Amino acid sequence: MNNVIINNLILPQVLEGGYYVASNPFYHVCRTANFHVMIFVTEGCIYVTEENKDYEIKSGQILFLKAGINHFGKHEIKKGTKWYYVHFLLEQKELKSDSQNQLIVPKKMNEMNGTFIEEKISQLIQNLHSNNQTKKWNCNLEMLEILKELCFFQNQLKPQKITLASKISTYLESLDCEEFNAQKVSDYFCLSYKHLAATFKKEKNISMQHFHQKIRIDKACKLLRTTLLSIWEIANQTGWNDQLYFSRCFKNTMGMSPTEYRNLPLIY
């Protein structure tokens, strides 16, 4: 079936990737690529034929096309179809055949929409196009993690769905150094803040603003116990421009001032 095989001694090399929305109908290009291709459709359907086998990749499905095998499109892909793609290499080395080190990547996977696999793929694409060199450095490791997880899912129950509230939680956790901004959250998810707030409160039983403040307080606690930064510096690094207001929020959450918290005896 032309499956991609991974080995935990070989790191994939991500060449390029992206998220596309078809602005016009088109047919998949005819080519024999020297790289593997991962296609993950999030809306619509992509049609591709690989070595005389036809594949229909519907929303929520992932398909892998193997390097060195000709593939092309027989059927038109409709306008509005949305998908992720990743081109990657797996260096061929002469290694001893060892099933403990090798995994066969499933040719096709279903029901991936809303799972943490989608989250990982989305993050990989963001890091690939980031100006942050540290994030780009991690792309190959992230691709190996995605491939590994897909291999293990082959013989397991489908992965647990990630809810919108969980996605919001993850996003808010990334904003631990700035003030809460409702418009920024709304813009990120392309949804109204009212809908996001109601969804989050219903599942998490806490408002987004209070959840975000707790994240910042938790970071402040860690800085108080692990650094020699001043209270003002810690307030600034966690998104408070007013030290008195920071101290008031900290005390309301922790039941003591930042100084009192810092002076608590260490327990090993």
Protein backbone atom coordinates (compact mmCIF):
# COMPACT_ATOMS: atom_id res chain seq x y z
CA MET A 1 0.00 0.00 0.00
CA ASN A 2 3.05 2.28 -0.26
CA ASN A 3 3.16 3.08 3.46
CA VAL A 4 5.71 5.44 4.94
CA ILE A 5 7.94 3.73 7.52
CA ILE A 6 9.52 5.67 10.38
CA ASN A 7 12.48 4.69 12.53
CA ASN A 8 13.21 6.20 15.92
CA LEU A 9 16.87 6.49 14.90
CA ILE A 10 16.04 8.78 11.95
CA LEU A 11 14.53 12.24 12.29
CA PRO A 12 12.16 13.45 9.54
CA GLN A 13 13.21 16.57 7.68
CA VAL A 14 10.30 18.93 7.10
CA LEU A 15 10.73 20.74 3.78
CA GLU A 16 7.59 22.84 3.62
CA GLY A 17 3.98 22.92 4.71
CA GLY A 18 0.93 25.13 4.89
CA TYR A 19 -2.80 25.50 5.19
CA TYR A 20 -4.68 26.12 1.96
CA VAL A 21 -8.19 27.18 0.98
CA ALA A 22 -8.99 26.50 -2.68
CA SER A 23 -10.02 29.79 -4.28
CA ASN A 24 -10.99 27.98 -7.51
CA PRO A 25 -11.72 24.38 -8.57
CA PHE A 26 -8.57 22.44 -9.55
CA TYR A 27 -7.06 18.99 -10.10
CA HIS A 28 -4.24 17.61 -7.97
CA VAL A 29 -0.91 18.06 -9.73
CA CYS A 30 0.65 15.06 -11.54
CA ARG A 31 4.14 14.36 -10.20
CA THR A 32 6.61 11.83 -8.84
CA ALA A 33 7.97 13.66 -5.81
CA ASN A 34 11.23 12.85 -4.05
CA PHE A 35 9.55 13.61 -0.72
CA HIS A 36 6.66 12.20 1.31
CA VAL A 37 3.42 14.17 1.50
CA MET A 38 0.93 14.39 4.36
CA ILE A 39 -2.52 15.75 3.43
CA PHE A 40 -5.05 16.57 6.14
CA VAL A 41 -8.42 17.82 4.87
CA THR A 42 -10.44 19.97 7.28
CA GLU A 43 -13.28 20.87 4.91
CA GLY A 44 -14.39 19.49 1.56
CA CYS A 45 -12.68 16.61 -0.26
CA ILE A 46 -9.41 16.05 -2.13
CA TYR A 47 -9.09 13.41 -4.85
CA VAL A 48 -5.71 11.90 -5.63
CA THR A 49 -4.54 8.72 -7.36
CA GLU A 50 -1.30 7.02 -6.34
CA GLU A 51 0.05 4.17 -8.48
CA ASN A 52 -3.43 3.43 -9.94
CA LYS A 53 -5.16 3.47 -6.54
CA ASP A 54 -7.78 6.19 -6.11
CA TYR A 55 -8.08 8.00 -2.78
CA GLU A 56 -10.87 10.27 -1.61
CA ILE A 57 -9.70 12.38 1.35
CA LYS A 58 -12.74 13.78 3.12
CA SER A 59 -12.99 16.25 5.99
CA GLY A 60 -11.18 14.91 9.06
CA GLN A 61 -9.07 12.42 7.08
CA ILE A 62 -5.29 12.26 6.71
CA LEU A 63 -3.51 10.56 3.79
CA PHE A 64 0.19 9.94 3.22
CA LEU A 65 1.69 9.84 -0.28
CA LYS A 66 5.02 8.05 -0.52
CA ALA A 67 8.16 9.52 -2.09
CA GLY A 68 9.09 8.11 -5.50
CA ILE A 69 5.54 7.01 -6.36
CA ASN A 70 3.62 8.87 -9.07
CA HIS A 71 0.40 10.55 -7.97
CA PHE A 72 -2.10 12.78 -9.74
CA GLY A 73 -5.72 13.92 -9.67
CA LYS A 74 -8.52 12.32 -11.71
CA HIS A 75 -11.38 14.33 -10.25
CA GLU A 76 -11.89 18.04 -9.71
CA ILE A 77 -11.36 19.44 -6.21
CA LYS A 78 -14.06 21.98 -5.39
CA LYS A 79 -13.63 25.63 -4.51
CA GLY A 80 -13.60 26.19 -0.73
CA THR A 81 -11.81 22.93 0.10
CA LYS A 82 -9.46 23.42 3.05
CA TRP A 83 -6.45 21.32 3.97
CA TYR A 84 -3.06 21.15 5.66
CA TYR A 85 -0.08 19.69 3.82
CA VAL A 86 3.46 18.81 4.87
CA HIS A 87 6.32 17.72 2.60
CA PHE A 88 9.02 15.79 4.44
CA LEU A 89 12.01 13.54 3.90
CA LEU A 90 13.06 10.41 5.74
CA GLU A 91 16.72 9.69 5.12
CA GLN A 92 17.30 6.15 3.98
CA LYS A 93 20.01 4.42 6.01
CA GLU A 94 21.06 0.83 6.08
CA LEU A 95 19.83 -0.14 9.54
CA LYS A 96 19.24 -3.56 10.95
CA SER A 97 15.60 -4.55 10.65
CA ASP A 98 14.19 -4.10 14.13
CA SER A 99 10.44 -3.93 14.69
CA GLN A 100 11.03 -2.20 18.03
CA ASN A 101 12.65 0.74 16.25
CA GLN A 102 10.31 0.88 13.24
CA LEU A 103 6.66 1.82 12.83
CA ILE A 104 4.46 1.71 9.75
CA VAL A 105 2.56 4.98 9.35
CA PRO A 106 -1.13 4.30 8.51
CA LYS A 107 -1.86 5.13 4.89
CA LYS A 108 -5.08 6.87 5.85
CA MET A 109 -6.62 8.00 9.15
CA ASN A 110 -10.20 9.08 9.87
CA GLU A 111 -11.92 11.44 12.33
CA MET A 112 -8.90 13.63 13.03
CA ASN A 113 -10.86 16.90 13.12
CA GLY A 114 -10.81 18.47 16.59
CA THR A 115 -8.23 16.06 17.99
CA PHE A 116 -4.87 16.94 19.49
CA ILE A 117 -3.34 15.60 16.25
CA GLU A 118 -4.94 18.54 14.43
CA GLU A 119 -3.60 20.83 17.15
CA LYS A 120 -0.09 19.44 16.69
CA ILE A 121 -0.24 19.80 12.90
CA SER A 122 -1.51 23.37 13.19
CA GLN A 123 1.31 24.21 15.62
CA LEU A 124 3.88 22.61 13.31
CA ILE A 125 2.72 24.81 10.41
CA GLN A 126 2.80 27.93 12.60
CA ASN A 127 6.34 27.12 13.78
CA LEU A 128 7.47 26.34 10.22
CA HIS A 129 6.50 29.85 9.10
CA SER A 130 7.63 31.61 12.27
CA ASN A 131 10.51 34.08 12.36
CA ASN A 132 11.54 32.47 15.64
CA GLN A 133 14.48 30.20 14.83
CA THR A 134 13.98 28.22 18.05
CA LYS A 135 10.47 27.26 16.94
CA LYS A 136 11.69 26.29 13.45
CA TRP A 137 14.36 24.13 15.05
CA ASN A 138 11.62 22.03 16.65
CA CYS A 139 9.68 21.28 13.45
CA ASN A 140 11.42 17.99 12.65
CA LEU A 141 10.88 16.76 16.21
CA GLU A 142 7.22 17.79 16.04
CA MET A 143 6.78 15.89 12.76
CA LEU A 144 8.25 12.74 14.29
CA GLU A 145 5.84 13.10 17.23
CA ILE A 146 2.86 13.43 14.85
CA LEU A 147 3.90 10.36 12.85
CA LYS A 148 4.48 8.34 16.02
CA GLU A 149 1.09 9.24 17.47
CA LEU A 150 -0.68 8.32 14.24
CA CYS A 151 1.07 4.93 14.28
CA PHE A 152 -0.10 4.18 17.80
CA PHE A 153 -3.66 5.30 17.03
CA GLN A 154 -3.88 2.60 14.37
CA ASN A 155 -4.57 -0.04 17.01
CA GLN A 156 -6.29 2.13 19.59
CA LEU A 157 -9.59 3.89 20.07
CA LYS A 158 -9.97 7.16 18.21
CA PRO A 159 -8.28 10.06 20.01
CA GLN A 160 -10.26 12.19 22.41
CA LYS A 161 -11.82 15.28 20.87
CA ILE A 162 -10.37 18.60 21.90
CA THR A 163 -13.16 20.99 22.80
CA LEU A 164 -13.26 24.68 21.97
CA ALA A 165 -12.85 25.47 25.67
CA SER A 166 -9.66 23.38 25.78
CA LYS A 167 -8.30 25.23 22.76
CA ILE A 168 -9.08 28.52 24.48
CA SER A 169 -7.27 27.31 27.62
CA THR A 170 -4.16 26.45 25.60
CA TYR A 171 -4.22 29.82 23.88
CA LEU A 172 -4.65 31.74 27.14
CA GLU A 173 -1.74 29.81 28.66
CA SER A 174 0.47 31.22 25.88
CA LEU A 175 -0.47 34.77 26.97
CA ASP A 176 0.93 34.56 30.49
CA CYS A 177 2.98 37.74 30.09
CA GLU A 178 0.25 40.17 29.08
CA GLU A 179 -3.09 41.57 30.15
CA PHE A 180 -6.33 39.88 29.15
CA ASN A 181 -7.65 41.19 25.83
CA ALA A 182 -11.11 40.00 24.81
CA GLN A 183 -10.79 41.33 21.26
CA LYS A 184 -7.50 39.51 20.73
CA VAL A 185 -9.08 36.21 21.79
CA SER A 186 -12.06 36.82 19.52
CA ASP A 187 -9.81 37.65 16.55
CA TYR A 188 -7.66 34.56 17.11
CA PHE A 189 -10.63 32.17 17.00
CA CYS A 190 -12.63 34.21 14.45
CA LEU A 191 -15.67 33.92 16.72
CA SER A 192 -17.61 36.41 18.81
CA TYR A 193 -16.29 36.96 22.31
CA LYS A 194 -19.78 36.42 23.74
CA HIS A 195 -19.92 32.92 22.23
CA LEU A 196 -16.36 32.08 23.33
CA ALA A 197 -16.97 33.34 26.88
CA ALA A 198 -20.23 31.40 27.27
CA THR A 199 -18.68 28.19 25.89
CA PHE A 200 -15.64 28.48 28.15
CA LYS A 201 -17.65 29.29 31.29
CA LYS A 202 -20.04 26.38 30.67
CA GLU A 203 -17.27 23.78 30.42
CA LYS A 204 -14.62 25.19 32.76
CA ASN A 205 -16.95 26.79 35.33
CA ILE A 206 -14.74 29.89 35.39
CA SER A 207 -14.60 33.02 33.24
CA MET A 208 -11.84 33.38 30.67
CA GLN A 209 -10.58 36.52 32.40
CA HIS A 210 -10.28 34.84 35.81
CA PHE A 211 -8.70 31.76 34.23
CA HIS A 212 -6.12 33.93 32.47
CA GLN A 213 -5.39 35.88 35.65
CA LYS A 214 -4.78 32.62 37.53
CA ILE A 215 -2.27 31.60 34.84
CA ARG A 216 -0.41 34.89 35.32
CA ILE A 217 -0.50 34.53 39.11
CA ASP A 218 0.87 30.99 38.84
CA LYS A 219 3.74 32.30 36.72
CA ALA A 220 4.35 35.07 39.27
CA CYS A 221 4.48 32.45 42.06
CA LYS A 222 7.12 30.50 40.17
CA LEU A 223 9.21 33.64 39.57
CA LEU A 224 8.93 34.65 43.23
CA ARG A 225 10.31 31.29 44.40
CA THR A 226 12.90 30.67 41.69
CA THR A 227 14.38 34.10 40.86
CA LEU A 228 15.73 37.22 42.56
CA LEU A 229 13.64 39.54 40.40
CA SER A 230 11.99 42.42 42.21
CA ILE A 231 8.23 42.48 42.77
CA TRP A 232 7.95 45.21 40.15
CA GLU A 233 9.94 43.17 37.59
CA ILE A 234 7.75 40.12 38.23
CA ALA A 235 4.60 42.23 37.91
CA ASN A 236 5.88 43.57 34.60
CA GLN A 237 6.78 40.11 33.27
CA THR A 238 3.28 38.84 34.01
CA GLY A 239 1.43 41.70 32.36
CA TRP A 240 0.79 44.14 35.22
CA ASN A 241 1.92 47.73 34.72
CA ASP A 242 0.87 48.73 38.24
CA GLN A 243 2.71 47.02 41.11
CA LEU A 244 0.01 47.90 43.66
CA TYR A 245 -2.72 46.44 41.47
CA PHE A 246 -0.57 43.34 40.92
CA SER A 247 -0.11 42.93 44.67
CA ARG A 248 -3.86 43.31 45.23
CA CYS A 249 -4.71 40.69 42.58
CA PHE A 250 -2.03 38.37 43.94
CA LYS A 251 -3.36 38.62 47.49
CA ASN A 252 -6.97 38.07 46.36
CA THR A 253 -5.86 34.84 44.65
CA MET A 254 -3.19 33.52 47.02
CA GLY A 255 -4.40 34.94 50.35
CA MET A 256 -1.09 36.71 51.00
CA SER A 257 1.10 39.40 49.46
CA PRO A 258 3.88 38.59 46.94
CA THR A 259 6.49 39.36 49.60
CA GLU A 260 4.83 37.05 52.14
CA TYR A 261 4.66 34.31 49.50
CA ARG A 262 8.34 34.74 48.62
CA ASN A 263 9.30 34.47 52.30
CA LEU A 264 7.45 31.20 52.91
CA PRO A 265 9.87 28.44 54.01
CA LEU A 266 10.97 26.11 51.24
CA ILE A 267 9.84 22.49 51.52
CA TYR A 268 12.09 19.89 49.90
